[in-house]
Amino acid sequence: MKVLVATNNKHKLEEISAILNKMGVELQSLSDIGLDIEVDETGETFLENALLKAREVEAITGSIVIADDSGLEVMALDGRPGVNSARYSGYSGIDKDAKNREKLLEEMKNVPDEKRNARFCTVIAAVMPDGRELTAEGFVYGRIGRAEVGTNGFGYDSLFIVDGYDKTMAELDPEVKNSISHRANALKSFEIQFRELLQS
């Protein structure tokens, strides 16, 4: 069975493949089918954006489509950057991630250690050609550090100190990170629901 993932992000594909390949599902990216599309993420929540992407790509292709939306929520910033995590700084160039981290550190500079709680969130959505849909969410909790530490991550990983590890996401071994990440936690729930959906 072929399933289309509404992304060209290799990291996302690898994480999703690790789970769904066990079910005999062959994943394809947008580039694999020659589809060049950028869905406007106009939703106010990760759930809305994941469904927007999955629904739009399914309408174009008629395939089973999986999409996700992820981001960082900082409690002291009322949940920001949230759905704007990837474009928080307003930059879109190659140094976008660095600019996003710079802005976050600047906004957090006067926040005391005990109030720097944060979480990463992922919502995964699947849309079937017959109209059935499912969604799953996952979180990983921690706090925002005061400087970047580690080189094994991307995005905000080098600032996010994981609860229970006292290391940033970017310091963790990739296998450990992938087993505890927000996307991994969402995928565990998604796998159960998706298996049931395919069998029904």
C-alpha atoms as a PDB file:
ATOM      1  CA  MET A   1       0.000   0.000   0.000  1.00  0.00           C
ATOM      2  CA  LYS A   2       1.326   3.424  -0.963  1.00  0.00           C
ATOM      3  CA  VAL A   3       0.736   6.411   1.299  1.00  0.00           C
ATOM      4  CA  LEU A   4       1.676   9.967   0.434  1.00  0.00           C
ATOM      5  CA  VAL A   5       3.331  12.135   3.091  1.00  0.00           C
ATOM      6  CA  ALA A   6       2.703  15.836   2.483  1.00  0.00           C
ATOM      7  CA  THR A   7       6.336  16.865   2.929  1.00  0.00           C
ATOM      8  CA  ASN A   8       9.769  16.789   1.365  1.00  0.00           C
ATOM      9  CA  ASN A   9      11.475  16.826   4.777  1.00  0.00           C
ATOM     10  CA  LYS A  10      13.730  13.747   4.862  1.00  0.00           C
ATOM     11  CA  HIS A  11      13.859  13.752   8.666  1.00  0.00           C
ATOM     12  CA  LYS A  12      10.066  13.536   8.923  1.00  0.00           C
ATOM     13  CA  LEU A  13       9.927  10.802   6.287  1.00  0.00           C
ATOM     14  CA  GLU A  14      12.510   8.708   8.119  1.00  0.00           C
ATOM     15  CA  GLU A  15      10.668   8.955  11.447  1.00  0.00           C
ATOM     16  CA  ILE A  16       7.306   8.123   9.913  1.00  0.00           C
ATOM     17  CA  SER A  17       8.802   5.314   7.802  1.00  0.00           C
ATOM     18  CA  ALA A  18      10.354   3.686  10.871  1.00  0.00           C
ATOM     19  CA  ILE A  19       6.856   3.212  12.271  1.00  0.00           C
ATOM     20  CA  LEU A  20       4.691   2.569   9.221  1.00  0.00           C
ATOM     21  CA  ASN A  21       7.068   0.337   7.256  1.00  0.00           C
ATOM     22  CA  LYS A  22       6.349  -2.360   9.855  1.00  0.00           C
ATOM     23  CA  MET A  23       2.757  -2.275   8.601  1.00  0.00           C
ATOM     24  CA  GLY A  24       3.767  -2.906   5.007  1.00  0.00           C
ATOM     25  CA  VAL A  25       3.093   0.692   4.002  1.00  0.00           C
ATOM     26  CA  GLU A  26       5.269   2.307   1.324  1.00  0.00           C
ATOM     27  CA  LEU A  27       5.662   6.027   1.922  1.00  0.00           C
ATOM     28  CA  GLN A  28       6.104   8.580  -0.839  1.00  0.00           C
ATOM     29  CA  SER A  29       7.044  12.238  -0.530  1.00  0.00           C
ATOM     30  CA  LEU A  30       5.638  15.041  -2.654  1.00  0.00           C
ATOM     31  CA  SER A  31       8.823  15.094  -4.746  1.00  0.00           C
ATOM     32  CA  ASP A  32       8.539  11.335  -5.301  1.00  0.00           C
ATOM     33  CA  ILE A  33       5.342  11.944  -7.276  1.00  0.00           C
ATOM     34  CA  GLY A  34       6.528  15.199  -8.850  1.00  0.00           C
ATOM     35  CA  LEU A  35       4.068  17.394  -6.933  1.00  0.00           C
ATOM     36  CA  ASP A  36       5.335  20.892  -6.192  1.00  0.00           C
ATOM     37  CA  ILE A  37       2.890  22.439  -3.748  1.00  0.00           C
ATOM     38  CA  GLU A  38       3.140  24.708  -0.728  1.00  0.00           C
ATOM     39  CA  VAL A  39      -0.026  24.633   1.370  1.00  0.00           C
ATOM     40  CA  ASP A  40      -0.711  27.882   3.224  1.00  0.00           C
ATOM     41  CA  GLU A  41      -0.665  27.092   6.937  1.00  0.00           C
ATOM     42  CA  THR A  42      -3.441  29.492   7.898  1.00  0.00           C
ATOM     43  CA  GLY A  43      -4.727  27.482  10.861  1.00  0.00           C
ATOM     44  CA  GLU A  44      -4.549  28.779  14.411  1.00  0.00           C
ATOM     45  CA  THR A  45      -3.529  25.395  15.832  1.00  0.00           C
ATOM     46  CA  PHE A  46      -1.208  22.542  14.884  1.00  0.00           C
ATOM     47  CA  LEU A  47      -4.298  20.368  14.380  1.00  0.00           C
ATOM     48  CA  GLU A  48      -5.864  22.789  11.904  1.00  0.00           C
ATOM     49  CA  ASN A  49      -2.644  23.081   9.903  1.00  0.00           C
ATOM     50  CA  ALA A  50      -2.043  19.325   9.745  1.00  0.00           C
ATOM     51  CA  LEU A  51      -5.582  18.772   8.470  1.00  0.00           C
ATOM     52  CA  LEU A  52      -5.315  21.663   5.989  1.00  0.00           C
ATOM     53  CA  LYS A  53      -2.221  20.092   4.400  1.00  0.00           C
ATOM     54  CA  ALA A  54      -3.586  16.553   4.354  1.00  0.00           C
ATOM     55  CA  ARG A  55      -6.969  17.572   2.927  1.00  0.00           C
ATOM     56  CA  GLU A  56      -5.528  19.775   0.193  1.00  0.00           C
ATOM     57  CA  VAL A  57      -3.016  17.185  -1.004  1.00  0.00           C
ATOM     58  CA  GLU A  58      -5.640  14.417  -0.892  1.00  0.00           C
ATOM     59  CA  ALA A  59      -8.002  16.568  -2.990  1.00  0.00           C
ATOM     60  CA  ILE A  60      -5.281  16.979  -5.630  1.00  0.00           C
ATOM     61  CA  THR A  61      -3.965  13.406  -5.679  1.00  0.00           C
ATOM     62  CA  GLY A  62      -6.792  11.159  -4.506  1.00  0.00           C
ATOM     63  CA  SER A  63      -4.240   9.316  -2.362  1.00  0.00           C
ATOM     64  CA  ILE A  64      -4.151   8.404   1.302  1.00  0.00           C
ATOM     65  CA  VAL A  65      -2.290  11.408   2.687  1.00  0.00           C
ATOM     66  CA  ILE A  66      -0.441  11.939   5.957  1.00  0.00           C
ATOM     67  CA  ALA A  67       0.570  15.428   7.094  1.00  0.00           C
ATOM     68  CA  ASP A  68       1.866  16.900  10.299  1.00  0.00           C
ATOM     69  CA  ASP A  69       2.470  20.221  11.972  1.00  0.00           C
ATOM     70  CA  SER A  70       4.891  20.773  14.803  1.00  0.00           C
ATOM     71  CA  GLY A  71       6.274  23.544  16.913  1.00  0.00           C
ATOM     72  CA  LEU A  72       7.521  24.878  20.209  1.00  0.00           C
ATOM     73  CA  GLU A  73       5.231  26.295  22.874  1.00  0.00           C
ATOM     74  CA  VAL A  74       6.793  28.401  25.652  1.00  0.00           C
ATOM     75  CA  MET A  75       4.570  28.949  28.666  1.00  0.00           C
ATOM     76  CA  ALA A  76       6.101  32.300  29.651  1.00  0.00           C
ATOM     77  CA  LEU A  77       5.342  33.589  26.142  1.00  0.00           C
ATOM     78  CA  ASP A  78       1.688  32.492  26.221  1.00  0.00           C
ATOM     79  CA  GLY A  79       2.449  29.547  23.940  1.00  0.00           C
ATOM     80  CA  ARG A  80       4.550  31.394  21.376  1.00  0.00           C
ATOM     81  CA  PRO A  81       6.116  30.716  18.940  1.00  0.00           C
ATOM     82  CA  GLY A  82       3.509  27.948  18.502  1.00  0.00           C
ATOM     83  CA  VAL A  83       2.223  27.545  14.946  1.00  0.00           C
ATOM     84  CA  ASN A  84       4.665  30.247  13.865  1.00  0.00           C
ATOM     85  CA  SER A  85       7.709  28.313  15.122  1.00  0.00           C
ATOM     86  CA  ALA A  86       9.288  27.895  11.677  1.00  0.00           C
ATOM     87  CA  ARG A  87       8.829  31.559  10.759  1.00  0.00           C
ATOM     88  CA  TYR A  88       9.100  33.187  14.172  1.00  0.00           C
ATOM     89  CA  SER A  89      11.839  35.662  13.270  1.00  0.00           C
ATOM     90  CA  GLY A  90      10.330  36.590   9.921  1.00  0.00           C
ATOM     91  CA  TYR A  91      13.453  35.373   8.099  1.00  0.00           C
ATOM     92  CA  SER A  92      13.123  32.758   5.378  1.00  0.00           C
ATOM     93  CA  GLY A  93      16.726  32.298   4.273  1.00  0.00           C
ATOM     94  CA  ILE A  94      19.239  29.572   5.025  1.00  0.00           C
ATOM     95  CA  ASP A  95      19.907  31.028   8.506  1.00  0.00           C
ATOM     96  CA  LYS A  96      16.209  31.015   9.415  1.00  0.00           C
ATOM     97  CA  ASP A  97      16.612  28.556  12.323  1.00  0.00           C
ATOM     98  CA  ALA A  98      19.442  30.578  13.852  1.00  0.00           C
ATOM     99  CA  LYS A  99      17.414  33.784  13.592  1.00  0.00           C
ATOM    100  CA  ASN A 100      14.439  32.075  15.242  1.00  0.00           C
ATOM    101  CA  ARG A 101      16.621  30.940  18.144  1.00  0.00           C
ATOM    102  CA  GLU A 102      18.095  34.426  18.506  1.00  0.00           C
ATOM    103  CA  LYS A 103      14.642  35.960  18.753  1.00  0.00           C
ATOM    104  CA  LEU A 104      13.512  33.384  21.318  1.00  0.00           C
ATOM    105  CA  LEU A 105      16.576  33.956  23.512  1.00  0.00           C
ATOM    106  CA  GLU A 106      16.052  37.708  23.341  1.00  0.00           C
ATOM    107  CA  GLU A 107      12.409  37.400  24.369  1.00  0.00           C
ATOM    108  CA  MET A 108      13.352  35.045  27.214  1.00  0.00           C
ATOM    109  CA  LYS A 109      16.370  36.935  28.563  1.00  0.00           C
ATOM    110  CA  ASN A 110      14.535  38.303  31.612  1.00  0.00           C
ATOM    111  CA  VAL A 111      12.507  35.144  32.337  1.00  0.00           C
ATOM    112  CA  PRO A 112      13.750  33.372  35.508  1.00  0.00           C
ATOM    113  CA  ASP A 113      14.821  29.733  35.340  1.00  0.00           C
ATOM    114  CA  GLU A 114      11.750  28.440  37.160  1.00  0.00           C
ATOM    115  CA  LYS A 115       9.442  29.987  34.557  1.00  0.00           C
ATOM    116  CA  ARG A 116      11.174  28.792  31.377  1.00  0.00           C
ATOM    117  CA  ASN A 117       8.935  25.725  30.900  1.00  0.00           C
ATOM    118  CA  ALA A 118       8.168  24.701  27.331  1.00  0.00           C
ATOM    119  CA  ARG A 119       7.027  21.796  25.226  1.00  0.00           C
ATOM    120  CA  PHE A 120       7.359  20.591  21.669  1.00  0.00           C
ATOM    121  CA  CYS A 121       4.114  19.475  20.036  1.00  0.00           C
ATOM    122  CA  THR A 122       3.379  17.423  16.916  1.00  0.00           C
ATOM    123  CA  VAL A 123      -0.027  16.713  15.412  1.00  0.00           C
ATOM    124  CA  ILE A 124      -0.260  14.076  12.671  1.00  0.00           C
ATOM    125  CA  ALA A 125      -3.310  13.832  10.435  1.00  0.00           C
ATOM    126  CA  ALA A 126      -4.345  11.249   7.850  1.00  0.00           C
ATOM    127  CA  VAL A 127      -7.038  11.808   5.244  1.00  0.00           C
ATOM    128  CA  MET A 128      -8.463   8.924   3.235  1.00  0.00           C
ATOM    129  CA  PRO A 129      -9.962   9.226  -0.260  1.00  0.00           C
ATOM    130  CA  ASP A 130     -13.329   8.097   1.161  1.00  0.00           C
ATOM    131  CA  GLY A 131     -13.355  11.076   3.531  1.00  0.00           C
ATOM    132  CA  ARG A 132     -12.332   9.316   6.742  1.00  0.00           C
ATOM    133  CA  GLU A 133      -9.812  11.195   8.857  1.00  0.00           C
ATOM    134  CA  LEU A 134      -7.733  10.592  11.958  1.00  0.00           C
ATOM    135  CA  THR A 135      -5.427  12.711  14.050  1.00  0.00           C
ATOM    136  CA  ALA A 136      -2.885  12.052  16.801  1.00  0.00           C
ATOM    137  CA  GLU A 137      -0.770  14.367  18.924  1.00  0.00           C
ATOM    138  CA  GLY A 138       2.418  14.011  20.900  1.00  0.00           C
ATOM    139  CA  PHE A 139       4.440  16.155  23.277  1.00  0.00           C
ATOM    140  CA  VAL A 140       7.850  16.303  24.917  1.00  0.00           C
ATOM    141  CA  TYR A 141       8.334  18.597  27.896  1.00  0.00           C
ATOM    142  CA  GLY A 142      11.318  20.621  29.046  1.00  0.00           C
ATOM    143  CA  ARG A 143      12.580  24.143  29.483  1.00  0.00           C
ATOM    144  CA  ILE A 144      14.391  26.798  27.471  1.00  0.00           C
ATOM    145  CA  GLY A 145      18.100  27.186  28.204  1.00  0.00           C
ATOM    146  CA  ARG A 146      20.028  30.439  28.164  1.00  0.00           C
ATOM    147  CA  ALA A 147      22.444  29.485  25.383  1.00  0.00           C
ATOM    148  CA  GLU A 148      22.646  27.022  22.527  1.00  0.00           C
ATOM    149  CA  VAL A 149      24.168  23.647  23.456  1.00  0.00           C
ATOM    150  CA  GLY A 150      24.633  20.596  21.218  1.00  0.00           C
ATOM    151  CA  THR A 151      24.937  19.915  17.510  1.00  0.00           C
ATOM    152  CA  ASN A 152      22.677  16.899  16.871  1.00  0.00           C
ATOM    153  CA  GLY A 153      19.489  18.787  16.184  1.00  0.00           C
ATOM    154  CA  PHE A 154      17.793  21.468  14.175  1.00  0.00           C
ATOM    155  CA  GLY A 155      15.240  24.187  14.815  1.00  0.00           C
ATOM    156  CA  TYR A 156      15.059  24.938  18.537  1.00  0.00           C
ATOM    157  CA  ASP A 157      16.693  21.661  19.655  1.00  0.00           C
ATOM    158  CA  SER A 158      19.870  23.307  20.983  1.00  0.00           C
ATOM    159  CA  LEU A 159      17.818  25.494  23.350  1.00  0.00           C
ATOM    160  CA  PHE A 160      15.352  22.878  24.606  1.00  0.00           C
ATOM    161  CA  ILE A 161      16.501  21.064  27.764  1.00  0.00           C
ATOM    162  CA  VAL A 162      14.528  17.818  28.016  1.00  0.00           C
ATOM    163  CA  ASP A 163      12.834  16.911  31.297  1.00  0.00           C
ATOM    164  CA  GLY A 164      14.510  13.897  32.878  1.00  0.00           C
ATOM    165  CA  TYR A 165      17.698  14.151  30.814  1.00  0.00           C
ATOM    166  CA  ASP A 166      19.110  17.562  31.757  1.00  0.00           C
ATOM    167  CA  LYS A 167      20.456  17.824  28.229  1.00  0.00           C
ATOM    168  CA  THR A 168      19.208  19.709  25.225  1.00  0.00           C
ATOM    169  CA  MET A 169      17.559  17.845  22.376  1.00  0.00           C
ATOM    170  CA  ALA A 170      20.672  18.637  20.333  1.00  0.00           C
ATOM    171  CA  GLU A 171      22.906  16.860  22.879  1.00  0.00           C
ATOM    172  CA  LEU A 172      20.954  13.605  22.883  1.00  0.00           C
ATOM    173  CA  ASP A 173      21.978  10.597  20.837  1.00  0.00           C
ATOM    174  CA  PRO A 174      19.726  10.542  17.734  1.00  0.00           C
ATOM    175  CA  GLU A 175      18.275   7.146  18.737  1.00  0.00           C
ATOM    176  CA  VAL A 176      17.311   8.485  22.167  1.00  0.00           C
ATOM    177  CA  LYS A 177      15.911  11.671  20.702  1.00  0.00           C
ATOM    178  CA  ASN A 178      13.831   9.801  18.141  1.00  0.00           C
ATOM    179  CA  SER A 179      12.414   7.527  20.842  1.00  0.00           C
ATOM    180  CA  ILE A 180      11.215  10.333  23.129  1.00  0.00           C
ATOM    181  CA  SER A 181      10.466  13.154  20.695  1.00  0.00           C
ATOM    182  CA  HIS A 182       7.083  14.795  20.217  1.00  0.00           C
ATOM    183  CA  ARG A 183       6.868  13.265  16.730  1.00  0.00           C
ATOM    184  CA  ALA A 184       7.717   9.812  18.098  1.00  0.00           C
ATOM    185  CA  ASN A 185       5.017  10.137  20.752  1.00  0.00           C
ATOM    186  CA  ALA A 186       2.474  11.275  18.177  1.00  0.00           C
ATOM    187  CA  LEU A 187       3.453   8.410  15.871  1.00  0.00           C
ATOM    188  CA  LYS A 188       2.896   5.810  18.596  1.00  0.00           C
ATOM    189  CA  SER A 189      -0.715   6.925  18.934  1.00  0.00           C
ATOM    190  CA  PHE A 190      -1.075   7.408  15.176  1.00  0.00           C
ATOM    191  CA  GLU A 191       0.138   3.875  14.399  1.00  0.00           C
ATOM    192  CA  ILE A 192      -2.580   2.272  16.516  1.00  0.00           C
ATOM    193  CA  GLN A 193      -5.348   4.386  14.975  1.00  0.00           C
ATOM    194  CA  PHE A 194      -4.015   4.060  11.415  1.00  0.00           C
ATOM    195  CA  ARG A 195      -3.821   0.270  11.675  1.00  0.00           C
ATOM    196  CA  GLU A 196      -7.451   0.181  12.829  1.00  0.00           C
ATOM    197  CA  LEU A 197      -8.483   2.570  10.055  1.00  0.00           C
ATOM    198  CA  LEU A 198      -6.881   0.449   7.339  1.00  0.00           C
ATOM    199  CA  GLN A 199      -8.523  -2.697   8.687  1.00  0.00           C
ATOM    200  CA  SER A 200     -12.011  -1.235   8.968  1.00  0.00           C
END
